[in-house]
Amino acid sequence: MGFTNPVYASNFPDPLILTGPDGGPAEDGRYWAYATNGNGANVQTLTSTDLITWEQGPDALPQLPDWSTPGKVWAPEVIRHSDGRYLMYYTTRAPDPSHQCVGLAIGDAPGGPFVDDHDGPLICESDQGGSIDAHPYVDRDGNRYLYWKNDGNHVGVDSYISVQRLDETGTELVGEPRQLFKQDQPWEGPLVEGPFLWERDGTYVMFYSGNGFTSPDYAVGIATADNPLGPFTKQPEPILVGNDVAAGPGHNALFAKDGRVWMVYHGWAPDAVGESIPGRMMWLSEVTFGDDGTVTVEPPRTDYPIRP
């Protein structure tokens, strides 16, 4: 039995799906999805018991810290720490509201409420346009990393995907940041963003988006490395592009279930790119890793033959 895409046919940009450690539901028996602000919430959430049928959940970040203001709370990613807490890395307006920076909020349950009681943002490259699209990653050896993008296209400079080590609590950055790569392929247009790292047989595959999210040419590419800190080598062409059912697919995240790997991402209706209704809807596609190192993503399709 298959399913119908999009699995959520309303505006739910920059989606991430939180599963349990075995690919099943989180500790409360539900899958949780998180997205950029909308529908009256700073951090939109959806819940599901089967990854296909989704219902609106609470605002996971109902109160922003004093140093920020509402309106541009983007791209939240939630990870469960080994101590049972949930850490949310999110983008929000910085103390200077002309820039966005990365904050960290903590909750006791997948749906929150998450609370950011820090005195300022975790990362804020104000001289590089700001910092957005944070992605936490825990390696097999337990080392923690945070990836993000400087919002260079916001101020007319290069946008880089960068990385820095996190301490064992996941709340403090250690060492120095490292720039991994910037926009340098024709399909990427003026920017790269939305990093998401996945390890497969010792190879680290960085999924990322290029071009502007309001463009039908927004797409997903990959770069690979032997180490979470790089260096990363890009594949020249994107692996997920728009078609006649979904335009500008991108800002993806991955999860595994029952031996398969799935990508969640947003995409526009082809006749409504940039429109608030229906907006950027939530789609699922399977990701396949070949024995020869190739990575393939099933193109957007409405009638999907198998379920996660």
C-alpha atoms as a PDB file:
ATOM      1  CA  MET A   1       0.000   0.000   0.000  1.00  0.00           C
ATOM      2  CA  GLY A   2       1.355   3.396  -0.978  1.00  0.00           C
ATOM      3  CA  PHE A   3       0.535   6.974  -0.040  1.00  0.00           C
ATOM      4  CA  THR A   4      -0.235  10.333  -1.593  1.00  0.00           C
ATOM      5  CA  ASN A   5       2.163  13.284  -1.653  1.00  0.00           C
ATOM      6  CA  PRO A   6       2.311  15.937  -0.396  1.00  0.00           C
ATOM      7  CA  VAL A   7       1.774  14.356   3.002  1.00  0.00           C
ATOM      8  CA  TYR A   8       0.872  17.798   4.329  1.00  0.00           C
ATOM      9  CA  ALA A   9      -0.717  20.056   1.722  1.00  0.00           C
ATOM     10  CA  SER A  10      -0.387  23.379   3.542  1.00  0.00           C
ATOM     11  CA  ASN A  11       2.516  25.721   4.207  1.00  0.00           C
ATOM     12  CA  PHE A  12       5.160  23.892   6.265  1.00  0.00           C
ATOM     13  CA  PRO A  13       8.596  25.167   5.156  1.00  0.00           C
ATOM     14  CA  ASP A  14      12.001  23.717   6.023  1.00  0.00           C
ATOM     15  CA  PRO A  15      10.601  20.522   7.553  1.00  0.00           C
ATOM     16  CA  LEU A  16      12.316  18.055   9.874  1.00  0.00           C
ATOM     17  CA  ILE A  17      10.771  14.804  11.141  1.00  0.00           C
ATOM     18  CA  LEU A  18      11.834  13.515  14.560  1.00  0.00           C
ATOM     19  CA  THR A  19      11.701   9.750  14.998  1.00  0.00           C
ATOM     20  CA  GLY A  20      12.752   7.465  17.820  1.00  0.00           C
ATOM     21  CA  PRO A  21      16.208   5.849  17.823  1.00  0.00           C
ATOM     22  CA  ASP A  22      14.957   2.787  15.920  1.00  0.00           C
ATOM     23  CA  GLY A  23      13.013   4.794  13.345  1.00  0.00           C
ATOM     24  CA  GLY A  24       9.767   4.358  15.218  1.00  0.00           C
ATOM     25  CA  PRO A  25       7.799   7.139  16.889  1.00  0.00           C
ATOM     26  CA  ALA A  26       9.321   9.376  19.534  1.00  0.00           C
ATOM     27  CA  GLU A  27       8.903   8.583  23.222  1.00  0.00           C
ATOM     28  CA  ASP A  28       5.294   9.778  23.320  1.00  0.00           C
ATOM     29  CA  GLY A  29       4.237   7.342  20.582  1.00  0.00           C
ATOM     30  CA  ARG A  30       4.044   9.984  17.854  1.00  0.00           C
ATOM     31  CA  TYR A  31       6.247  11.254  15.085  1.00  0.00           C
ATOM     32  CA  TRP A  32       6.900  14.972  15.293  1.00  0.00           C
ATOM     33  CA  ALA A  33       7.566  17.362  12.426  1.00  0.00           C
ATOM     34  CA  TYR A  34       8.887  20.916  12.879  1.00  0.00           C
ATOM     35  CA  ALA A  35       8.906  23.845  10.469  1.00  0.00           C
ATOM     36  CA  THR A  36       9.513  27.551   9.981  1.00  0.00           C
ATOM     37  CA  ASN A  37       7.093  30.012  11.579  1.00  0.00           C
ATOM     38  CA  GLY A  38       3.555  30.137  10.262  1.00  0.00           C
ATOM     39  CA  ASN A  39      -0.057  29.495  11.163  1.00  0.00           C
ATOM     40  CA  GLY A  40       0.343  31.755  14.201  1.00  0.00           C
ATOM     41  CA  ALA A  41       3.257  29.777  15.652  1.00  0.00           C
ATOM     42  CA  ASN A  42       6.936  30.619  16.063  1.00  0.00           C
ATOM     43  CA  VAL A  43       7.762  26.952  15.425  1.00  0.00           C
ATOM     44  CA  GLN A  44       5.048  24.993  13.667  1.00  0.00           C
ATOM     45  CA  THR A  45       4.620  21.328  14.602  1.00  0.00           C
ATOM     46  CA  LEU A  46       2.717  18.381  13.198  1.00  0.00           C
ATOM     47  CA  THR A  47       2.177  14.959  14.745  1.00  0.00           C
ATOM     48  CA  SER A  48       1.527  11.573  13.159  1.00  0.00           C
ATOM     49  CA  THR A  49       1.359   7.902  14.053  1.00  0.00           C
ATOM     50  CA  ASP A  50       2.193   6.642  10.550  1.00  0.00           C
ATOM     51  CA  LEU A  51       4.291   9.413   8.853  1.00  0.00           C
ATOM     52  CA  ILE A  52       1.544   9.855   6.258  1.00  0.00           C
ATOM     53  CA  THR A  53      -1.418  11.455   8.056  1.00  0.00           C
ATOM     54  CA  TRP A  54      -0.437  14.590   9.975  1.00  0.00           C
ATOM     55  CA  GLU A  55      -2.299  16.792  12.452  1.00  0.00           C
ATOM     56  CA  GLN A  56      -1.399  20.257  13.666  1.00  0.00           C
ATOM     57  CA  GLY A  57       0.481  20.325  16.971  1.00  0.00           C
ATOM     58  CA  PRO A  58       1.376  23.087  19.424  1.00  0.00           C
ATOM     59  CA  ASP A  59       3.750  25.993  18.956  1.00  0.00           C
ATOM     60  CA  ALA A  60       6.965  24.327  20.133  1.00  0.00           C
ATOM     61  CA  LEU A  61       8.607  27.695  20.931  1.00  0.00           C
ATOM     62  CA  PRO A  62       5.748  29.850  22.238  1.00  0.00           C
ATOM     63  CA  GLN A  63       8.062  32.481  23.776  1.00  0.00           C
ATOM     64  CA  LEU A  64      11.138  33.925  22.089  1.00  0.00           C
ATOM     65  CA  PRO A  65      14.095  35.098  24.182  1.00  0.00           C
ATOM     66  CA  ASP A  66      14.299  38.775  25.109  1.00  0.00           C
ATOM     67  CA  TRP A  67      17.059  39.408  22.563  1.00  0.00           C
ATOM     68  CA  SER A  68      14.872  38.374  19.614  1.00  0.00           C
ATOM     69  CA  THR A  69      11.593  39.440  18.032  1.00  0.00           C
ATOM     70  CA  PRO A  70       8.919  37.383  16.211  1.00  0.00           C
ATOM     71  CA  GLY A  71       8.366  37.043  12.496  1.00  0.00           C
ATOM     72  CA  LYS A  72      11.444  35.248  11.156  1.00  0.00           C
ATOM     73  CA  VAL A  73      11.820  32.060  13.179  1.00  0.00           C
ATOM     74  CA  TRP A  74      13.163  29.645  10.580  1.00  0.00           C
ATOM     75  CA  ALA A  75      14.370  26.115  10.040  1.00  0.00           C
ATOM     76  CA  PRO A  76      14.177  24.545  13.523  1.00  0.00           C
ATOM     77  CA  GLU A  77      15.922  21.206  14.058  1.00  0.00           C
ATOM     78  CA  VAL A  78      15.304  19.100  17.148  1.00  0.00           C
ATOM     79  CA  ILE A  79      17.537  16.348  18.468  1.00  0.00           C
ATOM     80  CA  ARG A  80      17.118  14.179  21.565  1.00  0.00           C
ATOM     81  CA  HIS A  81      20.100  14.283  23.892  1.00  0.00           C
ATOM     82  CA  SER A  82      21.250  11.164  25.731  1.00  0.00           C
ATOM     83  CA  ASP A  83      20.158  12.749  29.027  1.00  0.00           C
ATOM     84  CA  GLY A  84      16.541  12.790  27.819  1.00  0.00           C
ATOM     85  CA  ARG A  85      16.294  16.482  27.013  1.00  0.00           C
ATOM     86  CA  TYR A  86      15.378  17.756  23.565  1.00  0.00           C
ATOM     87  CA  LEU A  87      17.571  20.446  22.004  1.00  0.00           C
ATOM     88  CA  MET A  88      16.176  22.794  19.375  1.00  0.00           C
ATOM     89  CA  TYR A  89      18.571  24.757  17.177  1.00  0.00           C
ATOM     90  CA  TYR A  90      16.626  27.456  15.369  1.00  0.00           C
ATOM     91  CA  THR A  91      17.027  30.678  13.390  1.00  0.00           C
ATOM     92  CA  THR A  92      15.549  33.931  14.654  1.00  0.00           C
ATOM     93  CA  ARG A  93      16.007  37.679  14.485  1.00  0.00           C
ATOM     94  CA  ALA A  94      19.190  38.705  16.218  1.00  0.00           C
ATOM     95  CA  PRO A  95      19.607  41.569  18.689  1.00  0.00           C
ATOM     96  CA  ASP A  96      19.980  43.607  15.483  1.00  0.00           C
ATOM     97  CA  PRO A  97      16.658  42.717  13.792  1.00  0.00           C
ATOM     98  CA  SER A  98      18.156  43.315  10.334  1.00  0.00           C
ATOM     99  CA  HIS A  99      20.045  40.014  10.749  1.00  0.00           C
ATOM    100  CA  GLN A 100      19.117  36.505  11.820  1.00  0.00           C
ATOM    101  CA  CYS A 101      21.194  34.271  14.040  1.00  0.00           C
ATOM    102  CA  VAL A 102      21.070  30.777  15.533  1.00  0.00           C
ATOM    103  CA  GLY A 103      19.545  30.214  18.959  1.00  0.00           C
ATOM    104  CA  LEU A 104      19.258  27.162  21.187  1.00  0.00           C
ATOM    105  CA  ALA A 105      16.130  26.201  23.133  1.00  0.00           C
ATOM    106  CA  ILE A 106      15.658  23.192  25.415  1.00  0.00           C
ATOM    107  CA  GLY A 107      12.562  21.143  26.200  1.00  0.00           C
ATOM    108  CA  ASP A 108      11.586  18.065  28.168  1.00  0.00           C
ATOM    109  CA  ALA A 109       9.286  16.610  25.501  1.00  0.00           C
ATOM    110  CA  PRO A 110       9.196  16.534  21.692  1.00  0.00           C
ATOM    111  CA  GLY A 111       6.398  19.077  21.535  1.00  0.00           C
ATOM    112  CA  GLY A 112       7.997  21.393  24.051  1.00  0.00           C
ATOM    113  CA  PRO A 113       7.457  23.974  25.187  1.00  0.00           C
ATOM    114  CA  PHE A 114      11.086  24.702  24.323  1.00  0.00           C
ATOM    115  CA  VAL A 115      12.712  27.542  26.262  1.00  0.00           C
ATOM    116  CA  ASP A 116      15.716  29.641  25.246  1.00  0.00           C
ATOM    117  CA  ASP A 117      16.998  31.277  28.426  1.00  0.00           C
ATOM    118  CA  HIS A 118      20.381  32.260  27.007  1.00  0.00           C
ATOM    119  CA  ASP A 119      21.558  35.881  27.018  1.00  0.00           C
ATOM    120  CA  GLY A 120      22.129  35.873  23.271  1.00  0.00           C
ATOM    121  CA  PRO A 121      22.351  33.683  20.176  1.00  0.00           C
ATOM    122  CA  LEU A 122      24.610  30.656  19.868  1.00  0.00           C
ATOM    123  CA  ILE A 123      26.006  31.782  16.484  1.00  0.00           C
ATOM    124  CA  CYS A 124      25.727  35.267  15.020  1.00  0.00           C
ATOM    125  CA  GLU A 125      28.001  36.201  12.101  1.00  0.00           C
ATOM    126  CA  SER A 126      26.629  39.716  11.777  1.00  0.00           C
ATOM    127  CA  ASP A 127      29.540  40.771   9.557  1.00  0.00           C
ATOM    128  CA  GLN A 128      28.662  37.948   7.136  1.00  0.00           C
ATOM    129  CA  GLY A 129      24.934  38.618   6.829  1.00  0.00           C
ATOM    130  CA  GLY A 130      23.911  36.610   9.886  1.00  0.00           C
ATOM    131  CA  SER A 131      23.728  32.855  10.574  1.00  0.00           C
ATOM    132  CA  ILE A 132      20.830  30.556   9.659  1.00  0.00           C
ATOM    133  CA  ASP A 133      19.837  26.918   9.006  1.00  0.00           C
ATOM    134  CA  ALA A 134      21.552  25.174  11.917  1.00  0.00           C
ATOM    135  CA  HIS A 135      21.872  21.380  11.746  1.00  0.00           C
ATOM    136  CA  PRO A 136      23.121  19.293  14.714  1.00  0.00           C
ATOM    137  CA  TYR A 137      24.861  15.989  14.049  1.00  0.00           C
ATOM    138  CA  VAL A 138      26.059  13.265  16.423  1.00  0.00           C
ATOM    139  CA  ASP A 139      28.677  10.919  14.986  1.00  0.00           C
ATOM    140  CA  ARG A 140      28.962   7.210  15.793  1.00  0.00           C
ATOM    141  CA  ASP A 141      31.818   7.991  18.205  1.00  0.00           C
ATOM    142  CA  GLY A 142      29.608  10.402  20.161  1.00  0.00           C
ATOM    143  CA  ASN A 143      31.264  13.577  18.928  1.00  0.00           C
ATOM    144  CA  ARG A 144      28.821  16.393  18.248  1.00  0.00           C
ATOM    145  CA  TYR A 145      28.888  18.957  15.459  1.00  0.00           C
ATOM    146  CA  LEU A 146      26.808  21.917  14.360  1.00  0.00           C
ATOM    147  CA  TYR A 147      26.504  22.949  10.709  1.00  0.00           C
ATOM    148  CA  TRP A 148      24.997  26.195   9.470  1.00  0.00           C
ATOM    149  CA  LYS A 149      25.039  28.803   6.709  1.00  0.00           C
ATOM    150  CA  ASN A 150      26.133  32.408   6.917  1.00  0.00           C
ATOM    151  CA  ASP A 151      23.381  34.439   5.267  1.00  0.00           C
ATOM    152  CA  GLY A 152      25.787  36.030   2.802  1.00  0.00           C
ATOM    153  CA  ASN A 153      23.289  36.478  -0.004  1.00  0.00           C
ATOM    154  CA  HIS A 154      21.364  38.748   2.383  1.00  0.00           C
ATOM    155  CA  VAL A 155      24.202  41.310   2.182  1.00  0.00           C
ATOM    156  CA  GLY A 156      25.782  40.488  -1.178  1.00  0.00           C
ATOM    157  CA  VAL A 157      28.670  38.267  -0.062  1.00  0.00           C
ATOM    158  CA  ASP A 158      29.351  34.537  -0.397  1.00  0.00           C
ATOM    159  CA  SER A 159      27.297  32.045   1.580  1.00  0.00           C
ATOM    160  CA  TYR A 160      29.241  29.187   3.157  1.00  0.00           C
ATOM    161  CA  ILE A 161      28.215  25.975   4.842  1.00  0.00           C
ATOM    162  CA  SER A 162      30.288  25.922   8.039  1.00  0.00           C
ATOM    163  CA  VAL A 163      30.836  23.493  10.908  1.00  0.00           C
ATOM    164  CA  GLN A 164      32.021  23.669  14.509  1.00  0.00           C
ATOM    165  CA  ARG A 165      32.322  21.088  17.270  1.00  0.00           C
ATOM    166  CA  LEU A 166      29.802  21.048  20.111  1.00  0.00           C
ATOM    167  CA  ASP A 167      30.603  19.956  23.651  1.00  0.00           C
ATOM    168  CA  GLU A 168      29.097  16.778  25.078  1.00  0.00           C
ATOM    169  CA  THR A 169      26.045  18.676  26.344  1.00  0.00           C
ATOM    170  CA  GLY A 170      25.265  19.954  22.858  1.00  0.00           C
ATOM    171  CA  THR A 171      24.865  23.464  24.250  1.00  0.00           C
ATOM    172  CA  GLU A 172      28.326  25.020  23.821  1.00  0.00           C
ATOM    173  CA  LEU A 173      30.536  25.418  20.774  1.00  0.00           C
ATOM    174  CA  VAL A 174      34.186  24.396  21.139  1.00  0.00           C
ATOM    175  CA  GLY A 175      37.212  25.074  18.980  1.00  0.00           C
ATOM    176  CA  GLU A 176      36.975  27.206  15.869  1.00  0.00           C
ATOM    177  CA  PRO A 177      34.442  27.201  13.030  1.00  0.00           C
ATOM    178  CA  ARG A 178      35.457  25.806   9.655  1.00  0.00           C
ATOM    179  CA  GLN A 179      34.051  26.910   6.314  1.00  0.00           C
ATOM    180  CA  LEU A 180      33.325  23.830   4.184  1.00  0.00           C
ATOM    181  CA  PHE A 181      32.078  25.104   0.823  1.00  0.00           C
ATOM    182  CA  LYS A 182      30.211  27.970  -0.821  1.00  0.00           C
ATOM    183  CA  GLN A 183      28.081  28.475  -3.938  1.00  0.00           C
ATOM    184  CA  ASP A 184      30.222  27.696  -6.982  1.00  0.00           C
ATOM    185  CA  GLN A 185      28.052  25.547  -9.273  1.00  0.00           C
ATOM    186  CA  PRO A 186      25.717  27.094 -11.892  1.00  0.00           C
ATOM    187  CA  TRP A 187      22.590  25.429 -10.484  1.00  0.00           C
ATOM    188  CA  GLU A 188      23.241  26.862  -6.995  1.00  0.00           C
ATOM    189  CA  GLY A 189      22.675  30.452  -8.099  1.00  0.00           C
ATOM    190  CA  PRO A 190      23.602  32.957  -5.366  1.00  0.00           C
ATOM    191  CA  LEU A 191      23.665  30.633  -2.369  1.00  0.00           C
ATOM    192  CA  VAL A 192      23.927  27.284  -0.624  1.00  0.00           C
ATOM    193  CA  GLU A 193      21.934  26.537   2.539  1.00  0.00           C
ATOM    194  CA  GLY A 194      19.983  23.947   4.519  1.00  0.00           C
ATOM    195  CA  PRO A 195      22.795  21.471   5.383  1.00  0.00           C
ATOM    196  CA  PHE A 196      21.909  17.964   6.571  1.00  0.00           C
ATOM    197  CA  LEU A 197      24.570  15.281   7.167  1.00  0.00           C
ATOM    198  CA  TRP A 198      24.062  11.516   6.768  1.00  0.00           C
ATOM    199  CA  GLU A 199      26.725   8.831   7.244  1.00  0.00           C
ATOM    200  CA  ARG A 200      26.686   5.693   5.100  1.00  0.00           C
ATOM    201  CA  ASP A 201      29.423   3.031   5.294  1.00  0.00           C
ATOM    202  CA  GLY A 202      32.019   5.540   6.452  1.00  0.00           C
ATOM    203  CA  THR A 203      31.144   8.193   3.890  1.00  0.00           C
ATOM    204  CA  TYR A 204      29.607  11.440   5.124  1.00  0.00           C
ATOM    205  CA  VAL A 205      27.027  12.771   2.681  1.00  0.00           C
ATOM    206  CA  MET A 206      26.084  16.403   3.052  1.00  0.00           C
ATOM    207  CA  PHE A 207      22.685  17.174   1.564  1.00  0.00           C
ATOM    208  CA  TYR A 208      22.164  20.890   0.961  1.00  0.00           C
ATOM    209  CA  SER A 209      19.962  23.241  -1.036  1.00  0.00           C
ATOM    210  CA  GLY A 210      20.940  25.820  -3.629  1.00  0.00           C
ATOM    211  CA  ASN A 211      19.333  28.756  -5.423  1.00  0.00           C
ATOM    212  CA  GLY A 212      16.602  30.877  -3.798  1.00  0.00           C
ATOM    213  CA  PHE A 213      13.756  29.145  -1.977  1.00  0.00           C
ATOM    214  CA  THR A 214      11.249  31.353  -3.819  1.00  0.00           C
ATOM    215  CA  SER A 215      12.516  30.065  -7.175  1.00  0.00           C
ATOM    216  CA  PRO A 216      11.253  26.998  -9.046  1.00  0.00           C
ATOM    217  CA  ASP A 217      14.969  26.224  -9.560  1.00  0.00           C
ATOM    218  CA  TYR A 218      15.576  25.606  -5.859  1.00  0.00           C
ATOM    219  CA  ALA A 219      17.033  22.088  -5.591  1.00  0.00           C
ATOM    220  CA  VAL A 220      19.023  19.669  -3.433  1.00  0.00           C
ATOM    221  CA  GLY A 221      22.654  18.716  -4.014  1.00  0.00           C
ATOM    222  CA  ILE A 222      25.189  16.586  -2.184  1.00  0.00           C
ATOM    223  CA  ALA A 223      28.833  16.765  -1.168  1.00  0.00           C
ATOM    224  CA  THR A 224      30.813  13.892   0.363  1.00  0.00           C
ATOM    225  CA  ALA A 225      33.707  13.520   2.791  1.00  0.00           C
ATOM    226  CA  ASP A 226      35.531  10.941   4.892  1.00  0.00           C
ATOM    227  CA  ASN A 227      35.201  13.060   8.023  1.00  0.00           C
ATOM    228  CA  PRO A 228      32.424  15.241   9.486  1.00  0.00           C
ATOM    229  CA  LEU A 229      34.861  18.172   9.357  1.00  0.00           C
ATOM    230  CA  GLY A 230      35.580  17.661   5.664  1.00  0.00           C
ATOM    231  CA  PRO A 231      36.963  18.404   3.195  1.00  0.00           C
ATOM    232  CA  PHE A 232      33.781  17.862   1.186  1.00  0.00           C
ATOM    233  CA  THR A 233      33.628  17.214  -2.560  1.00  0.00           C
ATOM    234  CA  LYS A 234      30.497  18.278  -4.380  1.00  0.00           C
ATOM    235  CA  GLN A 235      28.599  16.302  -6.958  1.00  0.00           C
ATOM    236  CA  PRO A 236      28.262  18.829  -9.816  1.00  0.00           C
ATOM    237  CA  GLU A 237      24.546  18.381 -10.507  1.00  0.00           C
ATOM    238  CA  PRO A 238      21.619  18.379  -8.042  1.00  0.00           C
ATOM    239  CA  ILE A 239      20.000  15.094  -7.045  1.00  0.00           C
ATOM    240  CA  LEU A 240      16.500  16.457  -6.437  1.00  0.00           C
ATOM    241  CA  VAL A 241      14.906  19.020  -8.758  1.00  0.00           C
ATOM    242  CA  GLY A 242      11.416  20.230  -9.503  1.00  0.00           C
ATOM    243  CA  ASN A 243       9.024  18.655 -11.957  1.00  0.00           C
ATOM    244  CA  ASP A 244       5.385  18.917 -13.038  1.00  0.00           C
ATOM    245  CA  VAL A 245       4.027  18.130  -9.546  1.00  0.00           C
ATOM    246  CA  ALA A 246       6.425  19.982  -7.228  1.00  0.00           C
ATOM    247  CA  ALA A 247       8.470  23.094  -7.971  1.00  0.00           C
ATOM    248  CA  GLY A 248      11.594  24.161  -6.095  1.00  0.00           C
ATOM    249  CA  PRO A 249      11.947  21.118  -3.811  1.00  0.00           C
ATOM    250  CA  GLY A 250      14.467  21.623  -1.039  1.00  0.00           C
ATOM    251  CA  HIS A 251      15.580  22.238   2.530  1.00  0.00           C
ATOM    252  CA  ASN A 252      15.478  18.553   3.307  1.00  0.00           C
ATOM    253  CA  ALA A 253      16.074  16.250   6.261  1.00  0.00           C
ATOM    254  CA  LEU A 254      16.506  12.464   6.360  1.00  0.00           C
ATOM    255  CA  PHE A 255      15.270   9.680   8.607  1.00  0.00           C
ATOM    256  CA  ALA A 256      15.524   5.877   8.520  1.00  0.00           C
ATOM    257  CA  LYS A 257      12.718   3.383   9.046  1.00  0.00           C
ATOM    258  CA  ASP A 258      12.579  -0.386   8.481  1.00  0.00           C
ATOM    259  CA  GLY A 259      15.819  -0.462   6.507  1.00  0.00           C
ATOM    260  CA  ARG A 260      14.879   2.376   4.164  1.00  0.00           C
ATOM    261  CA  VAL A 261      16.008   6.005   4.192  1.00  0.00           C
ATOM    262  CA  TRP A 262      13.495   8.766   3.520  1.00  0.00           C
ATOM    263  CA  MET A 263      13.854  12.436   2.713  1.00  0.00           C
ATOM    264  CA  VAL A 264      11.349  15.015   3.913  1.00  0.00           C
ATOM    265  CA  TYR A 265      11.414  18.338   2.064  1.00  0.00           C
ATOM    266  CA  HIS A 266       9.196  21.193   1.006  1.00  0.00           C
ATOM    267  CA  GLY A 267       7.950  22.000  -2.482  1.00  0.00           C
ATOM    268  CA  TRP A 268       5.672  24.532  -4.149  1.00  0.00           C
ATOM    269  CA  ALA A 269       2.680  23.803  -6.321  1.00  0.00           C
ATOM    270  CA  PRO A 270       4.056  24.499  -9.830  1.00  0.00           C
ATOM    271  CA  ASP A 271       1.346  27.092 -10.512  1.00  0.00           C
ATOM    272  CA  ALA A 272       1.788  28.837  -7.142  1.00  0.00           C
ATOM    273  CA  VAL A 273       5.526  29.353  -6.630  1.00  0.00           C
ATOM    274  CA  GLY A 274       6.043  32.070  -4.031  1.00  0.00           C
ATOM    275  CA  GLU A 275       2.378  32.154  -3.024  1.00  0.00           C
ATOM    276  CA  SER A 276       1.408  31.874   0.659  1.00  0.00           C
ATOM    277  CA  ILE A 277      -1.447  29.502  -0.218  1.00  0.00           C
ATOM    278  CA  PRO A 278      -0.871  26.615  -0.366  1.00  0.00           C
ATOM    279  CA  GLY A 279       2.753  27.593   0.259  1.00  0.00           C
ATOM    280  CA  ARG A 280       5.662  25.174   0.622  1.00  0.00           C
ATOM    281  CA  MET A 281       4.066  21.783   1.280  1.00  0.00           C
ATOM    282  CA  MET A 282       5.676  18.746   2.926  1.00  0.00           C
ATOM    283  CA  TRP A 283       6.765  15.861   0.682  1.00  0.00           C
ATOM    284  CA  LEU A 284       8.460  12.487   1.168  1.00  0.00           C
ATOM    285  CA  SER A 285      10.811  10.654  -1.214  1.00  0.00           C
ATOM    286  CA  GLU A 286      13.007   7.606  -0.705  1.00  0.00           C
ATOM    287  CA  VAL A 287      16.794   7.938  -0.781  1.00  0.00           C
ATOM    288  CA  THR A 288      18.894   5.048  -2.122  1.00  0.00           C
ATOM    289  CA  PHE A 289      22.603   4.571  -1.475  1.00  0.00           C
ATOM    290  CA  GLY A 290      24.338   2.389  -4.063  1.00  0.00           C
ATOM    291  CA  ASP A 291      27.227   0.040  -3.378  1.00  0.00           C
ATOM    292  CA  ASP A 292      29.293   2.167  -5.768  1.00  0.00           C
ATOM    293  CA  GLY A 293      28.761   5.295  -3.650  1.00  0.00           C
ATOM    294  CA  THR A 294      25.977   6.775  -5.733  1.00  0.00           C
ATOM    295  CA  VAL A 295      23.088   8.535  -4.018  1.00  0.00           C
ATOM    296  CA  THR A 296      19.653   8.660  -5.655  1.00  0.00           C
ATOM    297  CA  VAL A 297      16.495  10.454  -4.568  1.00  0.00           C
ATOM    298  CA  GLU A 298      13.122   9.511  -6.007  1.00  0.00           C
ATOM    299  CA  PRO A 299      11.724  12.581  -7.824  1.00  0.00           C
ATOM    300  CA  PRO A 300       8.601  14.212  -6.404  1.00  0.00           C
ATOM    301  CA  ARG A 301       5.544  12.116  -7.171  1.00  0.00           C
ATOM    302  CA  THR A 302       1.994  12.354  -5.898  1.00  0.00           C
ATOM    303  CA  ASP A 303       1.140   8.648  -6.113  1.00  0.00           C
ATOM    304  CA  TYR A 304       3.891   6.882  -4.162  1.00  0.00           C
ATOM    305  CA  PRO A 305       3.924   3.066  -4.370  1.00  0.00           C
ATOM    306  CA  ILE A 306       5.320   2.216  -0.917  1.00  0.00           C
ATOM    307  CA  ARG A 307       4.961   3.592   2.593  1.00  0.00           C
ATOM    308  CA  PRO A 308       7.676   4.459   5.087  1.00  0.00           C
END
